[in-house]
PDB file of N, CA and C in Angstrom:
ATOM      1  N   MET A   1     -25.949-113.074 -46.793  1.00  0.00           N
ATOM      2  CA  MET A   1     -25.946-114.408 -46.229  1.00  0.00           C
ATOM      3  C   MET A   1     -25.084-114.376 -44.964  1.00  0.00           C
ATOM      4  N   ASN A   2     -25.630-114.907 -43.883  1.00  0.00           N
ATOM      5  CA  ASN A   2     -24.858-114.868 -42.647  1.00  0.00           C
ATOM      6  C   ASN A   2     -23.718-115.888 -42.674  1.00  0.00           C
ATOM      7  N   GLU A   3     -22.807-115.768 -41.724  1.00  0.00           N
ATOM      8  CA  GLU A   3     -21.594-116.585 -41.725  1.00  0.00           C
ATOM      9  C   GLU A   3     -21.885-118.079 -41.593  1.00  0.00           C
ATOM     10  N   GLU A   4     -22.895-118.428 -40.815  1.00  0.00           N
ATOM     11  CA  GLU A   4     -23.243-119.840 -40.644  1.00  0.00           C
ATOM     12  C   GLU A   4     -23.735-120.447 -41.960  1.00  0.00           C
ATOM     13  N   LEU A   5     -24.551-119.702 -42.680  1.00  0.00           N
ATOM     14  CA  LEU A   5     -25.034-120.176 -43.972  1.00  0.00           C
ATOM     15  C   LEU A   5     -23.902-120.240 -44.999  1.00  0.00           C
ATOM     16  N   GLN A   6     -23.014-119.294 -44.955  1.00  0.00           N
ATOM     17  CA  GLN A   6     -21.862-119.313 -45.860  1.00  0.00           C
ATOM     18  C   GLN A   6     -21.008-120.555 -45.614  1.00  0.00           C
ATOM     19  N   ALA A   7     -20.756-120.860 -44.353  1.00  0.00           N
ATOM     20  CA  ALA A   7     -19.954-122.029 -44.008  1.00  0.00           C
ATOM     21  C   ALA A   7     -20.645-123.306 -44.475  1.00  0.00           C
ATOM     22  N   PHE A   8     -21.961-123.379 -44.276  1.00  0.00           N
ATOM     23  CA  PHE A   8     -22.717-124.541 -44.726  1.00  0.00           C
ATOM     24  C   PHE A   8     -22.625-124.683 -46.243  1.00  0.00           C
ATOM     25  N   ALA A   9     -22.817-123.582 -46.947  1.00  0.00           N
ATOM     26  CA  ALA A   9     -22.794-123.608 -48.410  1.00  0.00           C
ATOM     27  C   ALA A   9     -21.431-124.053 -48.917  1.00  0.00           C
ATOM     28  N   ARG A  10     -20.373-123.541 -48.349  1.00  0.00           N
ATOM     29  CA  ARG A  10     -19.026-123.913 -48.790  1.00  0.00           C
ATOM     30  C   ARG A  10     -18.750-125.399 -48.508  1.00  0.00           C
ATOM     31  N   LYS A  11     -19.171-125.878 -47.353  1.00  0.00           N
ATOM     32  CA  LYS A  11     -18.990-127.295 -47.019  1.00  0.00           C
ATOM     33  C   LYS A  11     -19.770-128.170 -47.992  1.00  0.00           C
ATOM     34  N   ARG A  12     -20.987-127.776 -48.279  1.00  0.00           N
ATOM     35  CA  ARG A  12     -21.833-128.549 -49.194  1.00  0.00           C
ATOM     36  C   ARG A  12     -21.258-128.567 -50.613  1.00  0.00           C
ATOM     37  N   LEU A  13     -20.730-127.432 -51.046  1.00  0.00           N
ATOM     38  CA  LEU A  13     -20.109-127.367 -52.366  1.00  0.00           C
ATOM     39  C   LEU A  13     -18.935-128.347 -52.457  1.00  0.00           C
ATOM     40  N   ILE A  14     -18.107-128.389 -51.438  1.00  0.00           N
ATOM     41  CA  ILE A  14     -16.961-129.302 -51.418  1.00  0.00           C
ATOM     42  C   ILE A  14     -17.449-130.749 -51.496  1.00  0.00           C
ATOM     43  N   GLU A  15     -18.488-131.065 -50.725  1.00  0.00           N
ATOM     44  CA  GLU A  15     -19.032-132.427 -50.724  1.00  0.00           C
ATOM     45  C   GLU A  15     -19.594-132.801 -52.092  1.00  0.00           C
ATOM     46  N   ASP A  16     -20.349-131.893 -52.685  1.00  0.00           N
ATOM     47  CA  ASP A  16     -20.942-132.163 -53.992  1.00  0.00           C
ATOM     48  C   ASP A  16     -19.881-132.251 -55.086  1.00  0.00           C
ATOM     49  N   LEU A  17     -18.884-131.399 -55.008  1.00  0.00           N
ATOM     50  CA  LEU A  17     -17.821-131.431 -56.013  1.00  0.00           C
ATOM     51  C   LEU A  17     -17.016-132.720 -55.932  1.00  0.00           C
ATOM     52  N   ALA A  18     -16.930-133.313 -54.757  1.00  0.00           N
ATOM     53  CA  ALA A  18     -16.223-134.586 -54.602  1.00  0.00           C
ATOM     54  C   ALA A  18     -16.914-135.701 -55.381  1.00  0.00           C
ATOM     55  N   GLN A  19     -18.196-135.531 -55.661  1.00  0.00           N
ATOM     56  CA  GLN A  19     -18.954-136.524 -56.418  1.00  0.00           C
ATOM     57  C   GLN A  19     -18.859-136.304 -57.931  1.00  0.00           C
ATOM     58  N   CYS A  20     -18.282-135.204 -58.322  1.00  0.00           N
ATOM     59  CA  CYS A  20     -18.159-134.867 -59.742  1.00  0.00           C
ATOM     60  C   CYS A  20     -16.882-135.456 -60.326  1.00  0.00           C
ATOM     61  N   ASN A  21     -16.909-135.671 -61.635  1.00  0.00           N
ATOM     62  CA  ASN A  21     -15.704-136.169 -62.293  1.00  0.00           C
ATOM     63  C   ASN A  21     -14.732-135.006 -62.534  1.00  0.00           C
ATOM     64  N   ILE A  22     -13.560-135.336 -63.002  1.00  0.00           N
ATOM     65  CA  ILE A  22     -12.507-134.334 -63.217  1.00  0.00           C
ATOM     66  C   ILE A  22     -12.945-133.245 -64.188  1.00  0.00           C
ATOM     67  N   SER A  23     -13.627-133.635 -65.241  1.00  0.00           N
ATOM     68  CA  SER A  23     -14.093-132.662 -66.227  1.00  0.00           C
ATOM     69  C   SER A  23     -15.071-131.670 -65.608  1.00  0.00           C
ATOM     70  N   GLN A  24     -15.978-132.164 -64.805  1.00  0.00           N
ATOM     71  CA  GLN A  24     -16.953-131.292 -64.151  1.00  0.00           C
ATOM     72  C   GLN A  24     -16.272-130.381 -63.137  1.00  0.00           C
ATOM     73  N   GLN A  25     -15.291-130.922 -62.419  1.00  0.00           N
ATOM     74  CA  GLN A  25     -14.552-130.096 -61.466  1.00  0.00           C
ATOM     75  C   GLN A  25     -13.757-129.016 -62.198  1.00  0.00           C
ATOM     76  N   SER A  26     -13.187-129.362 -63.331  1.00  0.00           N
ATOM     77  CA  SER A  26     -12.437-128.382 -64.131  1.00  0.00           C
ATOM     78  C   SER A  26     -13.354-127.271 -64.630  1.00  0.00           C
ATOM     79  N   THR A  27     -14.556-127.646 -65.042  1.00  0.00           N
ATOM     80  CA  THR A  27     -15.532-126.641 -65.481  1.00  0.00           C
ATOM     81  C   THR A  27     -15.852-125.694 -64.342  1.00  0.00           C
ATOM     82  N   PHE A  28     -16.053-126.242 -63.154  1.00  0.00           N
ATOM     83  CA  PHE A  28     -16.339-125.422 -61.977  1.00  0.00           C
ATOM     84  C   PHE A  28     -15.199-124.437 -61.728  1.00  0.00           C
ATOM     85  N   ILE A  29     -13.980-124.928 -61.801  1.00  0.00           N
ATOM     86  CA  ILE A  29     -12.815-124.059 -61.583  1.00  0.00           C
ATOM     87  C   ILE A  29     -12.762-122.959 -62.634  1.00  0.00           C
ATOM     88  N   ARG A  30     -13.010-123.310 -63.898  1.00  0.00           N
ATOM     89  CA  ARG A  30     -12.992-122.293 -64.956  1.00  0.00           C
ATOM     90  C   ARG A  30     -14.076-121.234 -64.738  1.00  0.00           C
ATOM     91  N   MET A  31     -15.216-121.645 -64.215  1.00  0.00           N
ATOM     92  CA  MET A  31     -16.311-120.702 -64.001  1.00  0.00           C
ATOM     93  C   MET A  31     -16.063-119.789 -62.806  1.00  0.00           C
ATOM     94  N   TYR A  32     -15.528-120.343 -61.732  1.00  0.00           N
ATOM     95  CA  TYR A  32     -15.426-119.591 -60.486  1.00  0.00           C
ATOM     96  C   TYR A  32     -14.022-119.116 -60.131  1.00  0.00           C
ATOM     97  N   SER A  33     -13.043-119.488 -60.943  1.00  0.00           N
ATOM     98  CA  SER A  33     -11.683-118.998 -60.748  1.00  0.00           C
ATOM     99  C   SER A  33     -10.981-118.882 -62.100  1.00  0.00           C
ATOM    100  N   PRO A  34     -11.559-118.125 -63.016  1.00  0.00           N
ATOM    101  CA  PRO A  34     -11.021-118.084 -64.382  1.00  0.00           C
ATOM    102  C   PRO A  34      -9.603-117.521 -64.489  1.00  0.00           C
ATOM    103  N   LYS A  35      -9.186-116.753 -63.513  1.00  0.00           N
ATOM    104  CA  LYS A  35      -7.849-116.158 -63.580  1.00  0.00           C
ATOM    105  C   LYS A  35      -6.775-117.033 -62.943  1.00  0.00           C
ATOM    106  N   ASN A  36      -7.208-118.072 -62.217  1.00  0.00           N
ATOM    107  CA  ASN A  36      -6.242-118.968 -61.591  1.00  0.00           C
ATOM    108  C   ASN A  36      -6.763-120.397 -61.662  1.00  0.00           C
ATOM    109  N   LEU A  37      -6.472-121.069 -62.745  1.00  0.00           N
ATOM    110  CA  LEU A  37      -6.977-122.411 -62.996  1.00  0.00           C
ATOM    111  C   LEU A  37      -6.193-123.487 -62.253  1.00  0.00           C
ATOM    112  N   ASN A  38      -5.148-123.106 -61.551  1.00  0.00           N
ATOM    113  CA  ASN A  38      -4.320-124.072 -60.843  1.00  0.00           C
ATOM    114  C   ASN A  38      -4.722-124.264 -59.380  1.00  0.00           C
ATOM    115  N   LEU A  39      -5.768-123.583 -58.956  1.00  0.00           N
ATOM    116  CA  LEU A  39      -6.208-123.727 -57.572  1.00  0.00           C
ATOM    117  C   LEU A  39      -6.880-125.077 -57.359  1.00  0.00           C
ATOM    118  N   LEU A  40      -6.799-125.564 -56.146  1.00  0.00           N
ATOM    119  CA  LEU A  40      -7.556-126.747 -55.752  1.00  0.00           C
ATOM    120  C   LEU A  40      -9.029-126.363 -55.619  1.00  0.00           C
ATOM    121  N   ILE A  41      -9.898-127.355 -55.748  1.00  0.00           N
ATOM    122  CA  ILE A  41     -11.336-127.106 -55.611  1.00  0.00           C
ATOM    123  C   ILE A  41     -11.634-126.410 -54.280  1.00  0.00           C
ATOM    124  N   SER A  42     -11.012-126.885 -53.217  1.00  0.00           N
ATOM    125  CA  SER A  42     -11.266-126.293 -51.901  1.00  0.00           C
ATOM    126  C   SER A  42     -10.860-124.822 -51.856  1.00  0.00           C
ATOM    127  N   GLU A  43      -9.795-124.472 -52.558  1.00  0.00           N
ATOM    128  CA  GLU A  43      -9.350-123.079 -52.609  1.00  0.00           C
ATOM    129  C   GLU A  43     -10.321-122.230 -53.420  1.00  0.00           C
ATOM    130  N   VAL A  44     -10.814-122.789 -54.516  1.00  0.00           N
ATOM    131  CA  VAL A  44     -11.787-122.061 -55.340  1.00  0.00           C
ATOM    132  C   VAL A  44     -13.032-121.763 -54.512  1.00  0.00           C
ATOM    133  N   VAL A  45     -13.527-122.774 -53.815  1.00  0.00           N
ATOM    134  CA  VAL A  45     -14.734-122.599 -52.991  1.00  0.00           C
ATOM    135  C   VAL A  45     -14.474-121.581 -51.876  1.00  0.00           C
ATOM    136  N   ALA A  46     -13.325-121.664 -51.236  1.00  0.00           N
ATOM    137  CA  ALA A  46     -12.995-120.736 -50.153  1.00  0.00           C
ATOM    138  C   ALA A  46     -12.897-119.294 -50.644  1.00  0.00           C
ATOM    139  N   ASN A  47     -12.471-119.114 -51.895  1.00  0.00           N
ATOM    140  CA  ASN A  47     -12.275-117.764 -52.441  1.00  0.00           C
ATOM    141  C   ASN A  47     -13.511-117.190 -53.133  1.00  0.00           C
ATOM    142  N   MET A  48     -14.552-118.003 -53.271  1.00  0.00           N
ATOM    143  CA  MET A  48     -15.750-117.527 -53.975  1.00  0.00           C
ATOM    144  C   MET A  48     -16.432-116.399 -53.216  1.00  0.00           C
ATOM    145  N   PRO A  49     -16.896-115.385 -53.927  1.00  0.00           N
ATOM    146  CA  PRO A  49     -17.696-114.350 -53.274  1.00  0.00           C
ATOM    147  C   PRO A  49     -19.003-114.959 -52.741  1.00  0.00           C
ATOM    148  N   ASP A  50     -19.448-114.462 -51.633  1.00  0.00           N
ATOM    149  CA  ASP A  50     -20.661-114.984 -50.992  1.00  0.00           C
ATOM    150  C   ASP A  50     -21.859-114.991 -51.938  1.00  0.00           C
ATOM    151  N   GLU A  51     -21.950-113.996 -52.790  1.00  0.00           N
ATOM    152  CA  GLU A  51     -23.114-113.881 -53.672  1.00  0.00           C
ATOM    153  C   GLU A  51     -23.142-114.960 -54.752  1.00  0.00           C
ATOM    154  N   GLN A  52     -22.067-115.699 -54.937  1.00  0.00           N
ATOM    155  CA  GLN A  52     -22.042-116.780 -55.926  1.00  0.00           C
ATOM    156  C   GLN A  52     -22.367-118.145 -55.327  1.00  0.00           C
ATOM    157  N   LEU A  53     -22.411-118.249 -54.032  1.00  0.00           N
ATOM    158  CA  LEU A  53     -22.598-119.540 -53.378  1.00  0.00           C
ATOM    159  C   LEU A  53     -23.931-120.197 -53.733  1.00  0.00           C
ATOM    160  N   ASP A  54     -24.999-119.448 -53.679  1.00  0.00           N
ATOM    161  CA  ASP A  54     -26.322-120.017 -53.950  1.00  0.00           C
ATOM    162  C   ASP A  54     -26.406-120.562 -55.371  1.00  0.00           C
ATOM    163  N   TRP A  55     -25.960-119.797 -56.322  1.00  0.00           N
ATOM    164  CA  TRP A  55     -26.024-120.231 -57.721  1.00  0.00           C
ATOM    165  C   TRP A  55     -25.149-121.464 -57.944  1.00  0.00           C
ATOM    166  N   ALA A  56     -23.971-121.482 -57.372  1.00  0.00           N
ATOM    167  CA  ALA A  56     -23.083-122.633 -57.520  1.00  0.00           C
ATOM    168  C   ALA A  56     -23.724-123.886 -56.918  1.00  0.00           C
ATOM    169  N   MET A  57     -24.380-123.735 -55.775  1.00  0.00           N
ATOM    170  CA  MET A  57     -25.062-124.874 -55.157  1.00  0.00           C
ATOM    171  C   MET A  57     -26.180-125.377 -56.057  1.00  0.00           C
ATOM    172  N   GLN A  58     -26.914-124.474 -56.669  1.00  0.00           N
ATOM    173  CA  GLN A  58     -27.995-124.873 -57.574  1.00  0.00           C
ATOM    174  C   GLN A  58     -27.438-125.612 -58.792  1.00  0.00           C
ATOM    175  N   GLN A  59     -26.357-125.107 -59.341  1.00  0.00           N
ATOM    176  CA  GLN A  59     -25.752-125.761 -60.503  1.00  0.00           C
ATOM    177  C   GLN A  59     -25.304-127.182 -60.173  1.00  0.00           C
ATOM    178  N   LEU A  60     -24.633-127.332 -59.049  1.00  0.00           N
ATOM    179  CA  LEU A  60     -24.155-128.656 -58.658  1.00  0.00           C
ATOM    180  C   LEU A  60     -25.308-129.594 -58.320  1.00  0.00           C
ATOM    181  N   SER A  61     -26.307-129.074 -57.675  1.00  0.00           N
ATOM    182  CA  SER A  61     -27.479-129.891 -57.361  1.00  0.00           C
ATOM    183  C   SER A  61     -28.125-130.404 -58.634  1.00  0.00           C
ATOM    184  N   ASN A  62     -28.285-129.536 -59.610  1.00  0.00           N
ATOM    185  CA  ASN A  62     -28.871-129.944 -60.892  1.00  0.00           C
ATOM    186  C   ASN A  62     -28.009-130.992 -61.585  1.00  0.00           C
ATOM    187  N   THR A  63     -26.704-130.814 -61.530  1.00  0.00           N
ATOM    188  CA  THR A  63     -25.792-131.777 -62.143  1.00  0.00           C
ATOM    189  C   THR A  63     -25.956-133.144 -61.488  1.00  0.00           C
ATOM    190  N   LEU A  64     -25.999-133.165 -60.164  1.00  0.00           N
ATOM    191  CA  LEU A  64     -26.129-134.430 -59.451  1.00  0.00           C
ATOM    192  C   LEU A  64     -27.484-135.078 -59.699  1.00  0.00           C
ATOM    193  N   LYS A  65     -28.550-134.278 -59.737  1.00  0.00           N
ATOM    194  CA  LYS A  65     -29.887-134.810 -59.960  1.00  0.00           C
ATOM    195  C   LYS A  65     -30.058-135.394 -61.355  1.00  0.00           C
ATOM    196  N   LYS A  66     -29.418-134.798 -62.323  1.00  0.00           N
ATOM    197  CA  LYS A  66     -29.539-135.269 -63.704  1.00  0.00           C
ATOM    198  C   LYS A  66     -28.720-136.525 -63.953  1.00  0.00           C
ATOM    199  N   GLY A  67     -27.975-136.962 -62.950  1.00  0.00           N
ATOM    200  CA  GLY A  67     -27.185-138.163 -63.108  1.00  0.00           C
ATOM    201  C   GLY A  67     -26.015-137.984 -64.044  1.00  0.00           C
ATOM    202  N   LEU A  68     -25.497-136.778 -64.092  1.00  0.00           N
ATOM    203  CA  LEU A  68     -24.387-136.499 -64.995  1.00  0.00           C
ATOM    204  C   LEU A  68     -23.046-136.856 -64.375  1.00  0.00           C
ATOM    205  N   ILE A  69     -23.093-137.463 -63.214  1.00  0.00           N
ATOM    206  CA  ILE A  69     -21.858-137.849 -62.553  1.00  0.00           C
ATOM    207  C   ILE A  69     -21.347-139.138 -63.189  1.00  0.00           C
ATOM    208  N   ALA A  70     -20.092-139.129 -63.548  1.00  0.00           N
ATOM    209  CA  ALA A  70     -19.499-140.314 -64.216  1.00  0.00           C
ATOM    210  C   ALA A  70     -19.189-141.393 -63.218  1.00  0.00           C
TER     211      ALA A  70
END
């Protein structure tokens, strides 16, 4: 994934995560930063390997589409 797409994906993840409740954000942190649960969402997204960005975007998109946002 090129740098422009990576930047877009990370920005979109932050925007989508802002729409999630605390429990959903905590789940995201546990999935993508299991060794450091004290990071901020923005730090977790910034530290994610590029190869995880697409899957994370799909997961969040599905969550938002299903109306699981509190």
